[in-house]
Amino acid sequence: MSPNAIEINALSKNYGDTNAISNITLNVNEGEVFGYLGPNGAGKTTTIRILVDLIRATSGRASIFGLDTRDGIEEVRSKIGYLPSDIALYENLTGMELLKYLSNLRKIVEWDYVSNLADRLECDLSLRISTLSRGNKQKIGLIQSLMHHPELVIMDEPSSGLDPLMQQEFYRLVEEIKSEGRTILISSHIIPEIERLCDRVGIIRDGILLTVEEIDSLKQKSVHQIEFHFTQPATEDALNKIPGISEVTVDGNSVKCTIIGSPDKLIKAAAKFEITKLISHEPNLEEVFLSYYGKVNPDAQ
C-alpha cells in the first residue's frame, strides 16, 4: 500500500508560552486537493513551514510520501512545489532569470511548460521583478512552484493578489494537476476558493484542528433553512417535535424552520400535509465554517 502524500502526527509548535499549533494530526491522500482553512493567525502557515522544514516542530512528526520531513528533507524537496504566503523574490533579476536560476537547482524543467504557464497567467518574464505589482510577483511564485511537475504542490494563500480573471486561470491549473493524479495542499482563508477546488477540508482555529471532512459531508452536518408552503393554514406543533428543529415560524399557509443535519425526518413529517412549494436554502462552506467557530467560542460577538 502506497503511503499518504502527507502524514502529520501529533504536531505541535510552541514559542515560549504561545502555542502556534497544538497536537495536529491529519493525512492528505495521494491525488486529492486538500484545503487547510482558517483565519489569519490560525496556524496554517506554521504547519506548512514545518512540512517543508523551514521551522522545526516542538513535538510530533510529519512525512511526505513516507519520507520524514526532517531526516529526508532533501528527497522531499525534490518531490514538492512550494508557494509561500509572503513570497520573497530576487528583486534585481527578471522573472526569466529567476526561473533559470531555480531550474539549475531543480535540474529538470520543461521550458515549453514554463512558457505555457507564463502565457496562461499573462506573466511577462522579461521584466525586472522590482518593477512588478504584487499580483505579478504572485504569478512568478505560482510558476516556480509548478514548473518542475511536482508530485505534491503546497500552496499557502495561492490566489493572493491575483485579479478575478487570473484566479479563474489558477483554478483551471489546479483542476488539471488533480486530473493528472498529483496532490495539492491549499492553505487559505478564502472560503469560496476552498469550496470550489477541494475534495476535503481541515478547519483550524487558534492552532487547534477542529475537523477534517469531505466538503459535501461537512455541509450535511450544517444548518439548513427550509420553507414549506401548504394548501391549508399551518401549525408548528408537528414540526417542533423533530430533533434538531429550531426557529419555527408560521405565516398563514407557510412554515419556515432551521434544522441541523439531515432534513429527512422533517420532510416526512411535513409530507403528511399537502405541500404546494418547498424551498431549501443549502448551506455554503462559509456557513459551516462559522458554525464551527461558534462552537469553539459561543460568546464571540
Protein backbone atom coordinates (compact mmCIF):
# COMPACT_ATOMS: atom_id res chain seq x y z
CA MET A 1 0.00 0.00 0.00
CA SER A 2 1.44 3.37 -1.02
CA PRO A 3 1.89 5.97 1.72
CA ASN A 4 -0.30 9.02 2.00
CA ALA A 5 1.02 12.11 0.28
CA ILE A 6 1.21 13.83 3.68
CA GLU A 7 1.02 12.33 7.17
CA ILE A 8 1.06 14.62 10.21
CA ASN A 9 1.11 13.03 13.66
CA ALA A 10 0.59 14.97 16.90
CA LEU A 11 2.42 18.01 15.57
CA SER A 12 2.92 20.97 17.92
CA LYS A 13 4.92 24.16 17.76
CA ASN A 14 5.41 26.42 20.75
CA TYR A 15 7.06 29.82 21.03
CA GLY A 16 7.61 30.13 24.76
CA ASP A 17 4.15 30.12 26.31
CA THR A 18 2.45 30.63 22.94
CA ASN A 19 1.10 27.57 21.13
CA ALA A 20 1.20 28.19 17.38
CA ILE A 21 -0.26 24.73 16.68
CA SER A 22 -1.28 22.03 19.15
CA ASN A 23 -1.33 18.28 18.52
CA ILE A 24 -2.26 18.45 14.81
CA THR A 25 -2.93 15.04 13.26
CA LEU A 26 -4.15 14.63 9.67
CA ASN A 27 -3.45 12.76 6.42
CA VAL A 28 -3.64 14.02 2.85
CA ASN A 29 -4.39 11.31 0.29
CA GLU A 30 -2.45 10.97 -2.94
CA GLY A 31 -4.28 12.59 -5.84
CA GLU A 32 -6.61 14.80 -3.81
CA VAL A 33 -6.90 18.55 -3.39
CA PHE A 34 -6.90 19.18 0.34
CA GLY A 35 -7.97 22.53 1.78
CA TYR A 36 -6.49 23.88 5.00
CA LEU A 37 -8.93 26.54 6.10
CA GLY A 38 -8.69 29.10 8.85
CA PRO A 39 -8.36 32.84 9.50
CA ASN A 40 -5.03 34.60 9.51
CA GLY A 41 -3.03 33.50 12.54
CA ALA A 42 -4.85 30.18 12.92
CA GLY A 43 -1.71 28.06 12.43
CA LYS A 44 -1.90 27.21 8.72
CA THR A 45 1.45 28.70 7.75
CA THR A 46 3.18 27.24 10.80
CA THR A 47 2.04 23.76 9.79
CA ILE A 48 3.24 24.25 6.22
CA ARG A 49 6.63 25.64 7.24
CA ILE A 50 7.19 22.55 9.35
CA LEU A 51 6.27 20.35 6.37
CA VAL A 52 8.92 21.99 4.18
CA ASP A 53 11.42 22.09 7.10
CA LEU A 54 11.71 25.86 7.31
CA ILE A 55 10.99 25.59 11.02
CA ARG A 56 11.13 22.60 13.37
CA ALA A 57 8.24 21.28 15.43
CA THR A 58 8.36 21.28 19.22
CA SER A 59 6.89 17.78 19.18
CA GLY A 60 5.30 15.34 16.76
CA ARG A 61 6.35 14.17 13.30
CA ALA A 62 5.42 14.71 9.67
CA SER A 63 6.18 12.81 6.48
CA ILE A 64 5.68 13.33 2.75
CA PHE A 65 5.35 10.22 0.57
CA GLY A 66 6.66 8.23 3.54
CA LEU A 67 9.77 10.39 3.91
CA ASP A 68 10.39 12.17 7.20
CA THR A 69 10.27 15.92 6.60
CA ARG A 70 13.36 16.42 8.77
CA ASP A 71 15.67 13.49 8.07
CA GLY A 72 14.59 13.06 4.46
CA ILE A 73 14.05 16.69 3.54
CA GLU A 74 16.40 16.72 0.52
CA GLU A 75 14.42 13.97 -1.20
CA VAL A 76 11.15 15.53 -0.03
CA ARG A 77 12.03 18.83 -1.70
CA SER A 78 12.69 17.05 -4.98
CA LYS A 79 9.08 15.88 -4.97
CA ILE A 80 7.27 19.07 -4.00
CA GLY A 81 6.50 22.53 -5.30
CA TYR A 82 6.04 25.20 -2.65
CA LEU A 83 4.42 28.62 -2.81
CA PRO A 84 4.77 30.55 0.47
CA SER A 85 2.18 33.06 1.63
CA ASP A 86 4.59 36.00 1.51
CA ILE A 87 6.89 35.16 -1.35
CA ALA A 88 10.30 36.86 -1.38
CA LEU A 89 11.97 37.05 -4.81
CA TYR A 90 15.33 38.34 -6.00
CA GLU A 91 14.21 41.83 -6.98
CA ASN A 92 17.23 42.62 -9.16
CA LEU A 93 16.50 39.70 -11.53
CA THR A 94 13.95 39.39 -14.29
CA GLY A 95 11.31 36.70 -13.97
CA MET A 96 13.10 34.54 -16.54
CA GLU A 97 16.48 34.97 -14.84
CA LEU A 98 14.97 33.88 -11.54
CA LEU A 99 13.30 30.82 -13.06
CA LYS A 100 16.53 29.81 -14.83
CA TYR A 101 18.39 30.13 -11.54
CA LEU A 102 15.83 27.93 -9.82
CA SER A 103 15.86 25.46 -12.72
CA ASN A 104 19.59 24.94 -12.17
CA LEU A 105 18.75 23.85 -8.64
CA ARG A 106 15.85 21.66 -9.78
CA LYS A 107 17.83 20.17 -12.69
CA ILE A 108 14.67 19.08 -14.59
CA VAL A 109 12.45 21.80 -16.02
CA GLU A 110 10.44 21.76 -19.27
CA TRP A 111 10.76 25.28 -20.68
CA ASP A 112 7.85 24.81 -23.04
CA TYR A 113 5.70 24.22 -19.97
CA VAL A 114 7.14 27.31 -18.27
CA SER A 115 6.27 29.40 -21.34
CA ASN A 116 2.79 27.93 -21.37
CA LEU A 117 2.27 28.81 -17.71
CA ALA A 118 3.53 32.35 -18.29
CA ASP A 119 1.19 32.80 -21.26
CA ARG A 120 -1.82 31.49 -19.36
CA LEU A 121 -1.11 33.72 -16.38
CA GLU A 122 -0.26 36.71 -18.61
CA CYS A 123 3.12 37.00 -16.94
CA ASP A 124 5.88 38.91 -18.75
CA LEU A 125 9.08 37.15 -17.66
CA SER A 126 11.32 39.76 -19.31
CA LEU A 127 10.51 42.41 -16.69
CA ARG A 128 12.66 43.04 -13.64
CA ILE A 129 10.93 41.73 -10.53
CA SER A 130 11.39 45.02 -8.67
CA THR A 131 9.06 46.69 -11.19
CA LEU A 132 6.22 44.18 -10.78
CA SER A 133 2.97 44.55 -8.88
CA ARG A 134 2.03 42.24 -6.01
CA GLY A 135 -0.18 40.20 -8.34
CA ASN A 136 2.52 39.76 -10.99
CA LYS A 137 5.05 38.66 -8.39
CA GLN A 138 2.49 36.10 -7.25
CA LYS A 139 2.29 34.76 -10.81
CA ILE A 140 6.04 34.15 -10.82
CA GLY A 141 5.64 32.38 -7.48
CA LEU A 142 2.98 30.15 -8.98
CA ILE A 143 5.15 29.33 -12.00
CA GLN A 144 8.17 28.39 -9.88
CA SER A 145 6.02 26.08 -7.73
CA LEU A 146 4.65 24.23 -10.79
CA MET A 147 7.37 24.35 -13.43
CA HIS A 148 9.02 21.01 -12.50
CA HIS A 149 5.76 19.00 -12.41
CA PRO A 150 6.00 18.19 -8.69
CA GLU A 151 4.17 15.17 -7.26
CA LEU A 152 2.87 17.38 -4.44
CA VAL A 153 2.15 21.10 -4.62
CA ILE A 154 1.89 23.00 -1.33
CA MET A 155 0.38 26.47 -1.68
CA ASP A 156 -0.12 28.99 1.11
CA GLU A 157 -2.73 31.62 0.13
CA PRO A 158 -2.04 30.99 -3.60
CA SER A 159 -4.55 33.40 -5.17
CA SER A 160 -3.47 36.37 -3.05
CA GLY A 161 -3.03 39.43 -5.27
CA LEU A 162 -4.46 37.81 -8.41
CA ASP A 163 -7.25 39.59 -10.25
CA PRO A 164 -10.52 37.66 -10.84
CA LEU A 165 -9.56 36.51 -14.35
CA MET A 166 -6.24 35.13 -13.16
CA GLN A 167 -7.94 33.47 -10.21
CA GLN A 168 -10.10 31.56 -12.69
CA GLU A 169 -6.99 30.50 -14.63
CA PHE A 170 -5.37 29.38 -11.39
CA TYR A 171 -8.46 27.26 -10.63
CA ARG A 172 -8.14 25.61 -14.04
CA LEU A 173 -4.49 24.81 -13.33
CA VAL A 174 -5.44 23.15 -10.06
CA GLU A 175 -8.07 21.05 -11.80
CA GLU A 176 -5.53 19.95 -14.42
CA ILE A 177 -2.97 18.97 -11.79
CA LYS A 178 -5.58 16.90 -9.99
CA SER A 179 -6.63 15.20 -13.26
CA GLU A 180 -3.01 14.08 -13.66
CA GLY A 181 -3.20 12.28 -10.30
CA ARG A 182 -0.94 14.70 -8.47
CA THR A 183 -1.68 16.06 -4.99
CA ILE A 184 -2.29 19.63 -3.85
CA LEU A 185 -2.47 21.16 -0.37
CA ILE A 186 -4.05 24.61 -0.44
CA SER A 187 -3.98 26.76 2.67
CA SER A 188 -6.41 29.66 2.52
CA HIS A 189 -8.78 31.90 4.41
CA ILE A 190 -10.85 32.40 1.23
CA ILE A 191 -13.82 30.10 1.78
CA PRO A 192 -15.30 30.07 -1.77
CA GLU A 193 -11.87 29.09 -3.12
CA ILE A 194 -11.65 26.07 -0.82
CA GLU A 195 -15.26 25.12 -1.54
CA ARG A 196 -14.69 25.19 -5.30
CA LEU A 197 -11.34 23.40 -5.50
CA CYS A 198 -11.02 20.94 -2.65
CA ASP A 199 -12.13 17.36 -2.04
CA ARG A 200 -11.62 17.55 1.72
CA VAL A 201 -11.03 20.34 4.15
CA GLY A 202 -9.38 20.72 7.54
CA ILE A 203 -10.63 23.64 9.63
CA ILE A 204 -8.12 25.10 12.08
CA ARG A 205 -8.53 27.79 14.70
CA ASP A 206 -6.05 29.06 17.32
CA GLY A 207 -3.69 26.23 16.43
CA ILE A 208 -6.31 23.54 17.03
CA LEU A 209 -7.64 21.34 14.23
CA LEU A 210 -11.41 21.40 14.64
CA THR A 211 -12.40 18.90 11.96
CA VAL A 212 -11.24 17.12 8.80
CA GLU A 213 -14.01 16.06 6.44
CA GLU A 214 -15.18 15.87 2.87
CA ILE A 215 -16.79 19.17 1.96
CA ASP A 216 -20.11 17.58 0.98
CA SER A 217 -20.20 15.62 4.24
CA LEU A 218 -19.40 18.75 6.22
CA LYS A 219 -22.32 20.57 4.64
CA GLN A 220 -24.67 17.74 5.58
CA LYS A 221 -23.92 18.40 9.25
CA SER A 222 -24.57 22.09 8.99
CA VAL A 223 -27.58 24.32 9.35
CA HIS A 224 -30.31 24.17 6.67
CA GLN A 225 -33.04 26.76 6.24
CA ILE A 226 -36.24 25.13 4.94
CA GLU A 227 -39.54 26.73 3.95
CA PHE A 228 -42.83 24.87 3.32
CA HIS A 229 -46.00 26.17 1.69
CA PHE A 230 -49.18 24.13 2.35
CA THR A 231 -52.69 24.15 0.91
CA GLN A 232 -54.18 24.86 4.33
CA PRO A 233 -53.15 27.02 7.32
CA ALA A 234 -50.11 25.50 9.01
CA THR A 235 -49.29 24.86 12.66
CA GLU A 236 -45.89 24.39 14.15
CA ASP A 237 -46.82 21.61 16.59
CA ALA A 238 -45.96 18.68 14.32
CA LEU A 239 -42.58 20.09 13.34
CA ASN A 240 -41.43 21.23 16.79
CA LYS A 241 -41.18 17.61 17.97
CA ILE A 242 -38.50 16.73 15.42
CA PRO A 243 -34.90 16.61 16.81
CA GLY A 244 -32.67 19.38 15.52
CA ILE A 245 -35.54 21.72 14.61
CA SER A 246 -35.46 25.32 15.77
CA GLU A 247 -36.70 28.79 14.85
CA VAL A 248 -40.07 27.56 13.58
CA THR A 249 -42.18 30.45 12.32
CA VAL A 250 -45.68 30.22 10.85
CA ASP A 251 -47.18 32.74 8.43
CA GLY A 252 -50.58 31.64 7.14
CA ASN A 253 -50.05 28.61 4.94
CA SER A 254 -46.25 28.73 5.16
CA VAL A 255 -43.74 27.49 7.72
CA LYS A 256 -40.07 28.38 7.96
CA CYS A 257 -37.64 26.50 10.17
CA THR A 258 -33.99 25.73 10.80
CA ILE A 259 -32.62 22.21 11.05
CA ILE A 260 -29.15 20.89 11.85
CA GLY A 261 -28.11 17.78 9.93
CA SER A 262 -30.31 15.62 7.73
CA PRO A 263 -33.77 17.04 6.90
CA ASP A 264 -35.20 13.54 6.29
CA LYS A 265 -37.49 13.38 9.38
CA LEU A 266 -38.66 16.94 8.78
CA ILE A 267 -39.62 16.20 5.18
CA LYS A 268 -41.50 13.05 6.19
CA ALA A 269 -43.42 14.90 8.89
CA ALA A 270 -44.37 17.73 6.53
CA ALA A 271 -45.44 15.23 3.84
CA LYS A 272 -48.49 14.33 5.97
CA PHE A 273 -49.92 17.63 4.69
CA GLU A 274 -50.40 18.74 1.09
CA ILE A 275 -47.35 20.77 0.09
CA THR A 276 -47.53 23.29 -2.73
CA LYS A 277 -43.95 24.54 -2.53
CA LEU A 278 -40.72 23.52 -0.80
CA ILE A 279 -37.70 25.83 -0.63
CA SER A 280 -34.38 24.63 0.81
CA HIS A 281 -31.58 27.12 1.34
CA GLU A 282 -28.49 24.92 1.06
CA PRO A 283 -25.57 25.86 3.29
CA ASN A 284 -22.31 27.01 1.79
CA LEU A 285 -18.93 26.33 3.32
CA GLU A 286 -18.82 29.79 4.89
CA GLU A 287 -21.90 28.97 6.99
CA VAL A 288 -20.33 25.66 8.00
CA PHE A 289 -17.09 27.42 8.87
CA LEU A 290 -18.87 29.96 11.05
CA SER A 291 -20.89 27.25 12.76
CA TYR A 292 -17.67 25.51 13.84
CA TYR A 293 -16.24 28.78 15.08
CA GLY A 294 -19.40 29.37 17.04
CA LYS A 295 -18.95 26.02 18.79
CA VAL A 296 -15.44 26.94 19.85
CA ASN A 297 -16.27 30.43 21.03
CA PRO A 298 -20.02 30.75 21.63
CA ASP A 299 -19.59 34.12 23.38
CA ALA A 300 -17.96 35.75 20.34
CA GLN A 301 -19.83 38.75 19.03
